[in-house]
Every structure is written in structure tokens, then in C-alpha cells.
Amino acid sequence: MTYVGIDIEQFIRDPYGTGIQRVLQYLAKEWPSEEVQADFVIPNPAREGEYLLLTPEQAAELIGLAFKHREPNDDVLGIVQAFVAGKLASRDYTTVKLGDLVSLYDTWLLPEVSYLPSVLERFEIFRRCMRTVMIGYDTLPMTEPANYRFKPGNSAWVSEYFRLLAVADEVVCISAYARDSILDRLRRERALPIRVAHPGGDHLEVKAGNATARTRFTRLGTLEARKRPLEILEGFKLAVDQGLDAELLYIGKKSSSDEAINANIEQAIADNYPVIWVQGASDEEVYELVNQSSVFLSIGIEGYGIPVLEAIRVGTPVIFDGVQPAGELMIGQGALQVACDSKERMAAMFSAFGQESKIADLRAQVSEANVPTWSAFAEQVAAATRY
């Protein structure tokens, strides 16, 4: 039996910081404990130098807090910290010292992007005495720097994170795109183990599409420039000006890297374009909105694109363009690539798929049962940790 420690300090320090909470949640929910024994490890907030060991079930409960209904200004970090403090007070977690971690585990897994000095220093220490594994998402802060804002003095730790991706004993990548960017951009030695494991979409029950009477295009996720939220908006406005009768729905919190994105969406709403912006929705509310949509949009650059799988799972067809690994996986099974690389082409896409006959043709291809599964993903990650 292999024993692995899984470092989730990044999550308890900044629950929404990396945007991959779903991966963490289902890594915990689907971890194959009969094959590899795992603890999810966090620092003890009440005692420096001490760590709490969570079972996969406890970790899934903790990470699940990120998916509860939230208002835009809710203090999710405070909610997570209060939850940990409550569990600590009830003695539900095992506590150990740093040195104990070295003796407890054969492998150390870093499942989330992190630029925290404590996380990276700990990984480097353990790299010298046990097997180390990372989940690799992308190198977008290096290839798309305009989309990211780092605190002053943080650049050295950003570089350190990517250095560790290049030297870890094994890296499990969420897509071939992520793998290739790590090999090419970070110059990871090709002789070192690196594999692809696709995150799943089967956390949602299969549902038939239930689109509203008025055509609705929906875009879900963080408002980063690399995901083309403004290009989508401008193309939609042009199509509406040309006679399109449809609405555009944004689901997601405000951009933290580009205030102009927020301002432009708010201005379009003020100008009475049929644009809707939903923030702070719960999981259930998000998926109901997607289920009621005519078309789901995923445009721009994604390391993977779990929302694409979620849309197909609830019966809504997907139009994508750009770097979209999940979209490419589902071509012909509910996803269609349409060129949207200019304002005019974006508007043409909206106009074409504003027609019910085109939407019906695309909806007929939806294959909800064929999305990748979380159990297969967790098994691949666990396999990489075996000593």
C-alpha cells in the first residue's frame, strides 16, 4: 500500500484563488482508497508547525463549501476558516508535526496551483526524501501574462511553482495542451514521467435540455481576457443591432484582473441590450440556468474547460473556439467548433445559431453519457502517486 499526503493549504488560504475547486472536490470524493491511502493535509491554524490530516471524506466536505450559494460579497475564506476551527475544536482531525509527515508518506501530491511560499518550500523539502507528484493545469501566467495580476514581490514564487512543475517526479496533466505547454515552455525533461488525465463531468446527473422560449446564449466562468468575454459581448451587440432576437447570459463573479471587462458588461445592460449577469449563484442555480439555455459558449483559451462537460451533461449543446481541450474531446457529441476570431465572425455565429433549426441540429448530437468520469481521473492521479 502506498501512503500519500495531498497538500490543500492553497484552498484554505484562498478558496477561489485558482479556479479549480471542482478538481479538488472530486479528487477527494472519488479517491480510490483501496489502492492508495491518502490524507488531505492543511496547516493547523491554531498552532504553527502543526498539520491536520483530513480523510478524503472530510476534505470533500471542506472543499464543498466553495459550491454553496454565495452573495458576491460573502466572506468565503472566513466561512472555510470557521469550518476548520469548528472541526478542530471537536477533535475531528488528526494532528501531526512537520517531521511526522516525512515518516508518514511515500508520496507528496500538490493538486492545485500555488504561489504560497509555505506550500512550495514544503514541496521542495519533501522532494529530497520522497516521491513528489503535481497536477499540471497550464502555463498561462507565462504565455498569457496580461490575464494575471500578481502581488508585488510575488514573481519569484510564481517562477518557483513553474520550476517545480519541471522537476517533480511525475506530473499529471489535465489535457494534452497542458502537457505540451509544460514540456515546451518549461522544458521539463521528456524522460521524466508525465501523463494526461481528463477531469470529469459526471458530477451532474444527466438531464434533457429545457431551453427557454427565447434563444439564450450562456457563458459561464471567470471573466478573464483570455476567455474573450468582451469579444463575445461585442459580437452579440452587433448581431442584436442587425436584428438578432436572443439574450446573452453571463454567469460568474466580476473580473479581478481587468475592471474594464466588468464596466463594459454593466454598460451593455444599462444600454438595454438583452444581456443578463448572474453572480453568486449556487451550484444548483448555475446548472438550472445552463439547462435552460439554448447554447453554451466557450471561447478563448482554456487549460481544459470543465463547464463544457457540465453543459453537455445537462443537455445543452456547446459552441467553442480557441484552445478548448474539453470542447475538442466532445466534438460530434454535443460540441461544435465555430470560428469566432473577429467581431464579425462572432456576430455571424450568434445570428446563425439564433435560428431554432440550427440549435435543434446541434442539440440532436448531445451525448450526455459520454463525458469523461471523475473516477477515471482520480484513478489516474492515484496511479501516478504509487511508489
Protein backbone atom coordinates (compact mmCIF):
# COMPACT_ATOMS: atom_id res chain seq x y z
CA MET A 1 0.00 0.00 0.00
CA THR A 2 1.25 3.47 -0.91
CA TYR A 3 0.59 6.34 1.52
CA VAL A 4 0.21 9.80 0.02
CA GLY A 5 -0.15 13.23 1.56
CA ILE A 6 -2.18 15.70 -0.51
CA ASP A 7 -1.42 19.36 0.19
CA ILE A 8 -4.53 21.59 0.11
CA GLU A 9 -3.18 24.58 2.03
CA GLN A 10 -3.77 26.77 -1.04
CA PHE A 11 -7.50 26.09 -0.83
CA ILE A 12 -7.88 27.10 2.81
CA ARG A 13 -5.81 30.26 2.23
CA ASP A 14 -7.78 31.36 -0.85
CA PRO A 15 -10.71 29.08 -1.76
CA TYR A 16 -11.38 30.67 -5.15
CA GLY A 17 -7.78 31.65 -5.91
CA THR A 18 -7.06 29.15 -8.66
CA GLY A 19 -10.50 28.32 -10.01
CA ILE A 20 -10.02 24.56 -9.86
CA GLN A 21 -12.09 23.79 -6.76
CA ARG A 22 -14.10 21.18 -8.68
CA VAL A 23 -10.95 19.15 -9.36
CA LEU A 24 -10.07 19.19 -5.66
CA GLN A 25 -13.60 18.28 -4.64
CA TYR A 26 -13.84 15.22 -6.87
CA LEU A 27 -10.27 14.15 -6.30
CA ALA A 28 -11.38 13.78 -2.67
CA LYS A 29 -14.80 12.28 -3.45
CA GLU A 30 -13.50 9.69 -5.91
CA TRP A 31 -10.10 8.89 -4.40
CA PRO A 32 -9.55 5.09 -4.74
CA SER A 33 -8.61 4.44 -1.11
CA GLU A 34 -8.43 0.69 -1.57
CA GLU A 35 -5.44 1.25 -3.88
CA VAL A 36 -3.65 4.24 -2.34
CA GLN A 37 -4.18 5.53 1.20
CA ALA A 38 -4.47 9.33 1.16
CA ASP A 39 -4.64 12.13 3.71
CA PHE A 40 -5.50 15.69 2.68
CA VAL A 41 -3.13 17.92 4.64
CA ILE A 42 -3.60 21.50 5.87
CA PRO A 43 -1.70 23.62 8.41
CA ASN A 44 -3.23 23.81 11.87
CA PRO A 45 -4.45 27.44 12.13
CA ALA A 46 -4.27 27.23 15.93
CA ARG A 47 -0.68 26.01 16.23
CA GLU A 48 2.25 26.90 13.99
CA GLY A 49 4.30 23.96 12.76
CA GLU A 50 1.44 21.51 13.19
CA TYR A 51 -0.71 19.93 10.47
CA LEU A 52 -4.21 18.50 10.28
CA LEU A 53 -4.81 15.24 8.41
CA LEU A 54 -8.20 15.00 6.72
CA THR A 55 -9.73 11.86 5.30
CA PRO A 56 -10.93 12.11 1.68
CA GLU A 57 -14.50 12.38 3.01
CA GLN A 58 -13.59 15.24 5.35
CA ALA A 59 -11.71 17.02 2.57
CA ALA A 60 -14.67 16.71 0.20
CA GLU A 61 -16.91 18.27 2.85
CA LEU A 62 -14.47 21.14 3.37
CA ILE A 63 -13.95 21.84 -0.34
CA GLY A 64 -17.70 21.59 -0.94
CA LEU A 65 -18.13 24.84 0.99
CA ALA A 66 -16.93 26.65 -2.14
CA PHE A 67 -20.02 25.49 -4.01
CA LYS A 68 -22.71 26.68 -1.61
CA HIS A 69 -24.92 29.65 -2.52
CA ARG A 70 -22.98 32.88 -2.05
CA GLU A 71 -23.69 36.57 -2.37
CA PRO A 72 -20.98 38.47 -4.32
CA ASN A 73 -19.51 39.99 -1.14
CA ASP A 74 -19.67 36.89 1.09
CA ASP A 75 -16.51 36.08 3.04
CA VAL A 76 -15.91 32.55 1.75
CA LEU A 77 -12.42 32.49 3.27
CA GLY A 78 -13.92 33.26 6.67
CA ILE A 79 -16.50 30.52 6.21
CA VAL A 80 -13.79 27.98 5.36
CA GLN A 81 -11.63 29.04 8.29
CA ALA A 82 -14.58 28.86 10.70
CA PHE A 83 -15.39 25.38 9.45
CA VAL A 84 -11.81 24.19 10.06
CA ALA A 85 -11.79 25.80 13.51
CA GLY A 86 -15.04 24.04 14.38
CA LYS A 87 -13.71 20.66 13.32
CA LEU A 88 -10.50 21.29 15.25
CA ALA A 89 -12.44 22.17 18.39
CA SER A 90 -14.43 18.94 18.10
CA ARG A 91 -11.18 16.98 17.59
CA ASP A 92 -12.39 15.53 14.30
CA TYR A 93 -8.97 15.93 12.65
CA THR A 94 -5.70 14.11 13.38
CA THR A 95 -2.81 16.50 14.13
CA VAL A 96 0.90 15.89 13.44
CA LYS A 97 4.21 17.79 13.26
CA LEU A 98 6.11 18.56 10.05
CA GLY A 99 8.65 15.82 10.74
CA ASP A 100 5.84 13.30 11.09
CA LEU A 101 4.74 13.99 7.53
CA VAL A 102 8.09 12.76 6.26
CA SER A 103 7.71 9.46 8.07
CA LEU A 104 4.01 9.01 7.27
CA TYR A 105 4.07 9.25 3.48
CA ASP A 106 5.70 7.63 0.48
CA THR A 107 4.49 10.36 -1.88
CA TRP A 108 3.58 14.05 -1.63
CA LEU A 109 0.97 15.39 -4.07
CA LEU A 110 0.38 19.06 -4.88
CA PRO A 111 -3.02 19.08 -6.62
CA GLU A 112 -3.53 22.83 -7.05
CA VAL A 113 -1.65 25.77 -8.48
CA SER A 114 0.00 27.65 -5.62
CA TYR A 115 2.44 30.51 -5.27
CA LEU A 116 2.43 30.35 -1.47
CA PRO A 117 5.99 30.19 -0.09
CA SER A 118 4.94 27.70 2.60
CA VAL A 119 3.45 25.29 0.04
CA LEU A 120 6.39 25.50 -2.34
CA GLU A 121 9.07 25.29 0.34
CA ARG A 122 7.38 22.23 1.82
CA PHE A 123 7.22 20.57 -1.60
CA GLU A 124 10.92 21.23 -2.18
CA ILE A 125 11.82 19.75 1.23
CA PHE A 126 9.78 16.62 0.53
CA ARG A 127 11.20 16.33 -2.99
CA ARG A 128 14.51 15.39 -1.38
CA CYS A 129 13.14 12.49 0.67
CA MET A 130 10.02 11.10 -1.05
CA ARG A 131 8.28 10.82 -4.39
CA THR A 132 6.62 14.07 -5.49
CA VAL A 133 3.72 14.47 -7.90
CA MET A 134 1.89 17.55 -9.21
CA ILE A 135 -1.29 18.05 -11.19
CA GLY A 136 -0.38 20.30 -14.12
CA TYR A 137 -3.01 22.69 -15.41
CA ASP A 138 -1.28 25.03 -17.83
CA THR A 139 1.45 27.65 -18.12
CA LEU A 140 -0.95 30.50 -18.84
CA PRO A 141 0.60 33.05 -16.44
CA MET A 142 3.68 32.74 -18.63
CA THR A 143 2.00 32.52 -22.04
CA GLU A 144 -0.89 34.93 -21.29
CA PRO A 145 0.62 37.35 -18.74
CA ALA A 146 -1.89 40.12 -19.45
CA ASN A 147 -4.61 37.99 -17.82
CA TYR A 148 -2.87 37.78 -14.46
CA ARG A 149 -2.12 40.27 -11.69
CA PHE A 150 0.44 39.25 -9.09
CA LYS A 151 1.13 40.98 -5.82
CA PRO A 152 4.42 42.92 -5.74
CA GLY A 153 7.25 40.66 -4.68
CA ASN A 154 5.40 37.51 -5.69
CA SER A 155 7.10 36.87 -9.04
CA ALA A 156 9.87 34.76 -7.52
CA TRP A 157 7.29 32.35 -6.10
CA VAL A 158 5.46 32.19 -9.41
CA SER A 159 8.75 31.18 -11.01
CA GLU A 160 9.36 28.64 -8.24
CA TYR A 161 5.99 26.97 -8.83
CA PHE A 162 6.77 26.51 -12.51
CA ARG A 163 10.28 25.29 -11.72
CA LEU A 164 8.77 22.57 -9.54
CA LEU A 165 6.44 21.55 -12.38
CA ALA A 166 9.56 21.00 -14.45
CA VAL A 167 11.35 18.81 -11.88
CA ALA A 168 8.64 16.91 -9.94
CA ASP A 169 8.95 13.13 -10.17
CA GLU A 170 5.69 12.92 -12.08
CA VAL A 171 3.13 15.38 -13.43
CA VAL A 172 -0.48 14.52 -14.22
CA CYS A 173 -1.79 16.99 -16.81
CA ILE A 174 -5.46 17.81 -17.31
CA SER A 175 -5.09 17.93 -21.10
CA ALA A 176 -2.64 17.32 -23.92
CA TYR A 177 -2.45 21.11 -24.28
CA ALA A 178 -1.31 21.41 -20.66
CA ARG A 179 1.21 18.60 -21.13
CA ASP A 180 2.68 20.14 -24.26
CA SER A 181 2.94 23.60 -22.70
CA ILE A 182 4.74 22.17 -19.66
CA LEU A 183 7.16 20.23 -21.85
CA ASP A 184 7.78 23.02 -24.33
CA ARG A 185 7.50 26.16 -22.23
CA LEU A 186 9.04 24.86 -19.00
CA ARG A 187 11.46 22.50 -20.76
CA ARG A 188 10.59 19.62 -18.49
CA GLU A 189 12.83 16.68 -19.36
CA ARG A 190 10.87 14.41 -21.65
CA ALA A 191 12.33 11.35 -19.95
CA LEU A 192 10.52 12.29 -16.72
CA PRO A 193 7.05 10.72 -16.30
CA ILE A 194 4.17 12.90 -17.44
CA ARG A 195 0.66 11.75 -18.25
CA VAL A 196 -2.74 13.14 -19.25
CA ALA A 197 -5.87 12.51 -17.16
CA HIS A 198 -9.04 14.31 -18.18
CA PRO A 199 -11.18 15.77 -15.36
CA GLY A 200 -14.74 14.54 -15.37
CA GLY A 201 -18.19 15.96 -15.86
CA ASP A 202 -20.29 13.25 -14.27
CA HIS A 203 -20.75 15.15 -11.00
CA LEU A 204 -24.00 16.22 -12.64
CA GLU A 205 -26.97 13.97 -13.25
CA VAL A 206 -27.93 13.59 -16.89
CA LYS A 207 -30.77 15.94 -17.82
CA ALA A 208 -32.63 16.68 -21.02
CA GLY A 209 -32.24 20.21 -22.31
CA ASN A 210 -35.01 22.58 -21.21
CA ALA A 211 -34.29 25.76 -23.13
CA THR A 212 -36.40 28.86 -22.60
CA ALA A 213 -38.68 30.05 -25.39
CA ARG A 214 -36.34 32.94 -26.19
CA THR A 215 -32.95 31.87 -27.51
CA ARG A 216 -30.36 32.18 -24.77
CA PHE A 217 -26.58 32.04 -25.21
CA THR A 218 -24.78 31.37 -21.92
CA ARG A 219 -21.21 31.94 -20.89
CA LEU A 220 -20.04 30.55 -17.53
CA GLY A 221 -16.81 31.19 -15.63
CA THR A 222 -14.27 33.75 -14.59
CA LEU A 223 -14.14 36.96 -16.61
CA GLU A 224 -10.54 36.80 -17.81
CA ALA A 225 -9.44 38.41 -21.06
CA ARG A 226 -8.09 35.09 -22.37
CA LYS A 227 -11.67 33.76 -22.28
CA ARG A 228 -12.83 36.59 -24.58
CA PRO A 229 -15.77 37.96 -22.56
CA LEU A 230 -15.62 41.35 -24.28
CA GLU A 231 -15.27 39.85 -27.75
CA ILE A 232 -18.36 37.76 -27.03
CA LEU A 233 -20.19 40.88 -25.86
CA GLU A 234 -19.23 43.00 -28.87
CA GLY A 235 -20.18 40.26 -31.33
CA PHE A 236 -23.52 39.80 -29.59
CA LYS A 237 -24.27 43.53 -29.61
CA LEU A 238 -23.52 43.68 -33.34
CA ALA A 239 -25.83 40.72 -34.00
CA VAL A 240 -28.60 42.36 -31.96
CA ASP A 241 -28.12 45.60 -33.88
CA GLN A 242 -28.54 43.53 -37.04
CA GLY A 243 -31.83 42.05 -35.84
CA LEU A 244 -31.00 39.06 -33.61
CA ASP A 245 -33.73 38.25 -31.08
CA ALA A 246 -31.86 36.46 -28.28
CA GLU A 247 -30.30 37.06 -24.90
CA LEU A 248 -26.75 36.66 -23.60
CA LEU A 249 -26.27 35.35 -20.07
CA TYR A 250 -23.02 35.72 -18.13
CA ILE A 251 -22.67 33.54 -15.03
CA GLY A 252 -19.73 34.31 -12.77
CA LYS A 253 -18.19 36.82 -10.44
CA LYS A 254 -16.57 40.07 -11.54
CA SER A 255 -13.14 40.11 -13.14
CA SER A 256 -10.38 40.68 -10.61
CA SER A 257 -7.75 41.31 -13.27
CA ASP A 258 -9.48 43.78 -15.62
CA GLU A 259 -12.10 46.24 -14.39
CA ALA A 260 -12.84 47.26 -17.99
CA ILE A 261 -14.47 43.87 -18.56
CA ASN A 262 -16.89 44.48 -15.71
CA ALA A 263 -17.60 48.03 -16.84
CA ASN A 264 -18.39 47.04 -20.42
CA ILE A 265 -20.84 44.32 -19.41
CA GLU A 266 -22.57 46.68 -16.98
CA GLN A 267 -22.76 49.36 -19.69
CA ALA A 268 -24.34 46.95 -22.18
CA ILE A 269 -27.01 46.14 -19.59
CA ALA A 270 -27.55 49.86 -18.93
CA ASP A 271 -27.90 50.41 -22.69
CA ASN A 272 -30.78 47.90 -22.71
CA TYR A 273 -29.07 45.18 -24.69
CA PRO A 274 -30.58 41.79 -23.73
CA VAL A 275 -27.61 40.93 -21.51
CA ILE A 276 -28.01 39.32 -18.08
CA TRP A 277 -25.26 38.90 -15.47
CA VAL A 278 -25.76 36.44 -12.59
CA GLN A 279 -23.24 36.46 -9.74
CA GLY A 280 -23.10 34.42 -6.54
CA ALA A 281 -25.32 31.58 -7.78
CA SER A 282 -25.19 28.19 -6.09
CA ASP A 283 -24.28 25.03 -7.98
CA GLU A 284 -27.93 24.13 -8.37
CA GLU A 285 -28.86 27.58 -9.66
CA VAL A 286 -25.97 27.60 -12.15
CA TYR A 287 -26.89 24.25 -13.65
CA GLU A 288 -30.55 25.15 -13.86
CA LEU A 289 -29.62 28.27 -15.82
CA VAL A 290 -27.35 26.26 -18.13
CA ASN A 291 -30.05 23.62 -18.59
CA GLN A 292 -32.48 26.36 -19.65
CA SER A 293 -30.03 27.75 -22.21
CA SER A 294 -30.18 27.21 -25.96
CA VAL A 295 -26.41 27.25 -26.50
CA PHE A 296 -23.42 27.23 -24.15
CA LEU A 297 -20.39 29.29 -25.25
CA SER A 298 -16.74 28.53 -24.51
CA ILE A 299 -14.48 30.91 -26.43
CA GLY A 300 -10.78 31.68 -25.97
CA ILE A 301 -8.05 29.82 -24.12
CA GLU A 302 -8.78 27.10 -21.57
CA GLY A 303 -6.37 24.71 -19.90
CA TYR A 304 -9.26 22.23 -20.10
CA GLY A 305 -12.84 23.50 -19.70
CA ILE A 306 -14.98 21.55 -17.22
CA PRO A 307 -18.02 23.84 -17.85
CA VAL A 308 -18.19 22.43 -21.39
CA LEU A 309 -18.72 18.95 -19.95
CA GLU A 310 -21.24 20.29 -17.44
CA ALA A 311 -23.29 21.91 -20.19
CA ILE A 312 -23.41 18.72 -22.25
CA ARG A 313 -24.27 16.71 -19.14
CA VAL A 314 -27.41 18.84 -18.61
CA GLY A 315 -28.43 18.62 -22.26
CA THR A 316 -27.19 21.96 -23.60
CA PRO A 317 -25.09 21.99 -26.80
CA VAL A 318 -21.77 23.82 -26.87
CA ILE A 319 -20.18 26.17 -29.38
CA PHE A 320 -16.47 26.73 -28.83
CA ASP A 321 -13.45 28.31 -30.44
CA GLY A 322 -9.81 28.81 -29.48
CA VAL A 323 -7.81 26.46 -27.26
CA GLN A 324 -10.55 24.28 -25.79
CA PRO A 325 -9.39 20.75 -24.84
CA ALA A 326 -12.73 19.67 -23.35
CA GLY A 327 -14.58 21.06 -26.35
CA GLU A 328 -12.36 19.10 -28.71
CA LEU A 329 -12.99 15.91 -26.71
CA MET A 330 -16.73 16.31 -27.24
CA ILE A 331 -16.83 17.26 -30.95
CA GLY A 332 -19.74 15.43 -32.53
CA GLN A 333 -21.18 14.61 -29.10
CA GLY A 334 -22.69 17.99 -28.36
CA ALA A 335 -19.80 20.36 -29.06
CA LEU A 336 -19.13 22.23 -32.29
CA GLN A 337 -16.18 24.46 -33.16
CA VAL A 338 -17.17 27.67 -34.94
CA ALA A 339 -14.67 30.36 -35.96
CA CYS A 340 -15.21 33.41 -33.72
CA ASP A 341 -11.87 35.16 -34.17
CA SER A 342 -13.30 38.56 -35.16
CA LYS A 343 -16.23 40.72 -34.17
CA GLU A 344 -17.92 40.00 -37.48
CA ARG A 345 -17.46 36.23 -37.21
CA MET A 346 -18.68 36.30 -33.63
CA ALA A 347 -21.81 38.18 -34.74
CA ALA A 348 -22.31 35.71 -37.59
CA MET A 349 -22.17 32.83 -35.11
CA PHE A 350 -24.84 34.46 -32.94
CA SER A 351 -27.05 35.15 -35.95
CA ALA A 352 -26.70 31.62 -37.34
CA PHE A 353 -27.37 29.83 -34.06
CA GLY A 354 -30.13 32.22 -33.14
CA GLN A 355 -32.20 30.11 -35.53
CA GLU A 356 -34.09 27.25 -33.88
CA SER A 357 -33.35 24.83 -36.73
CA LYS A 358 -29.59 25.22 -36.25
CA ILE A 359 -29.90 24.80 -32.49
CA ALA A 360 -32.04 21.68 -32.95
CA ASP A 361 -29.43 20.09 -35.22
CA LEU A 362 -26.74 20.73 -32.63
CA ARG A 363 -28.91 19.57 -29.73
CA ALA A 364 -29.55 16.27 -31.51
CA GLN A 365 -25.83 15.45 -31.23
CA VAL A 366 -25.65 15.87 -27.45
CA SER A 367 -24.38 12.67 -25.81
CA GLU A 368 -24.60 13.28 -22.07
CA ALA A 369 -23.33 9.83 -21.08
CA ASN A 370 -20.03 10.16 -22.94
CA VAL A 371 -18.35 12.86 -20.87
CA PRO A 372 -15.16 11.81 -19.02
CA THR A 373 -15.65 10.50 -15.48
CA TRP A 374 -14.17 11.68 -12.19
CA SER A 375 -13.45 8.14 -11.04
CA ALA A 376 -11.16 7.59 -14.04
CA PHE A 377 -9.42 10.90 -13.34
CA ALA A 378 -8.86 10.09 -9.65
CA GLU A 379 -7.57 6.62 -10.53
CA GLN A 380 -5.01 8.13 -12.92
CA VAL A 381 -3.81 10.60 -10.29
CA ALA A 382 -3.61 7.86 -7.67
CA ALA A 383 -1.66 5.66 -10.08
CA ALA A 384 0.92 8.43 -10.50
CA THR A 385 1.45 8.59 -6.74
CA ARG A 386 2.23 4.89 -6.33
CA TYR A 387 5.73 4.39 -5.04
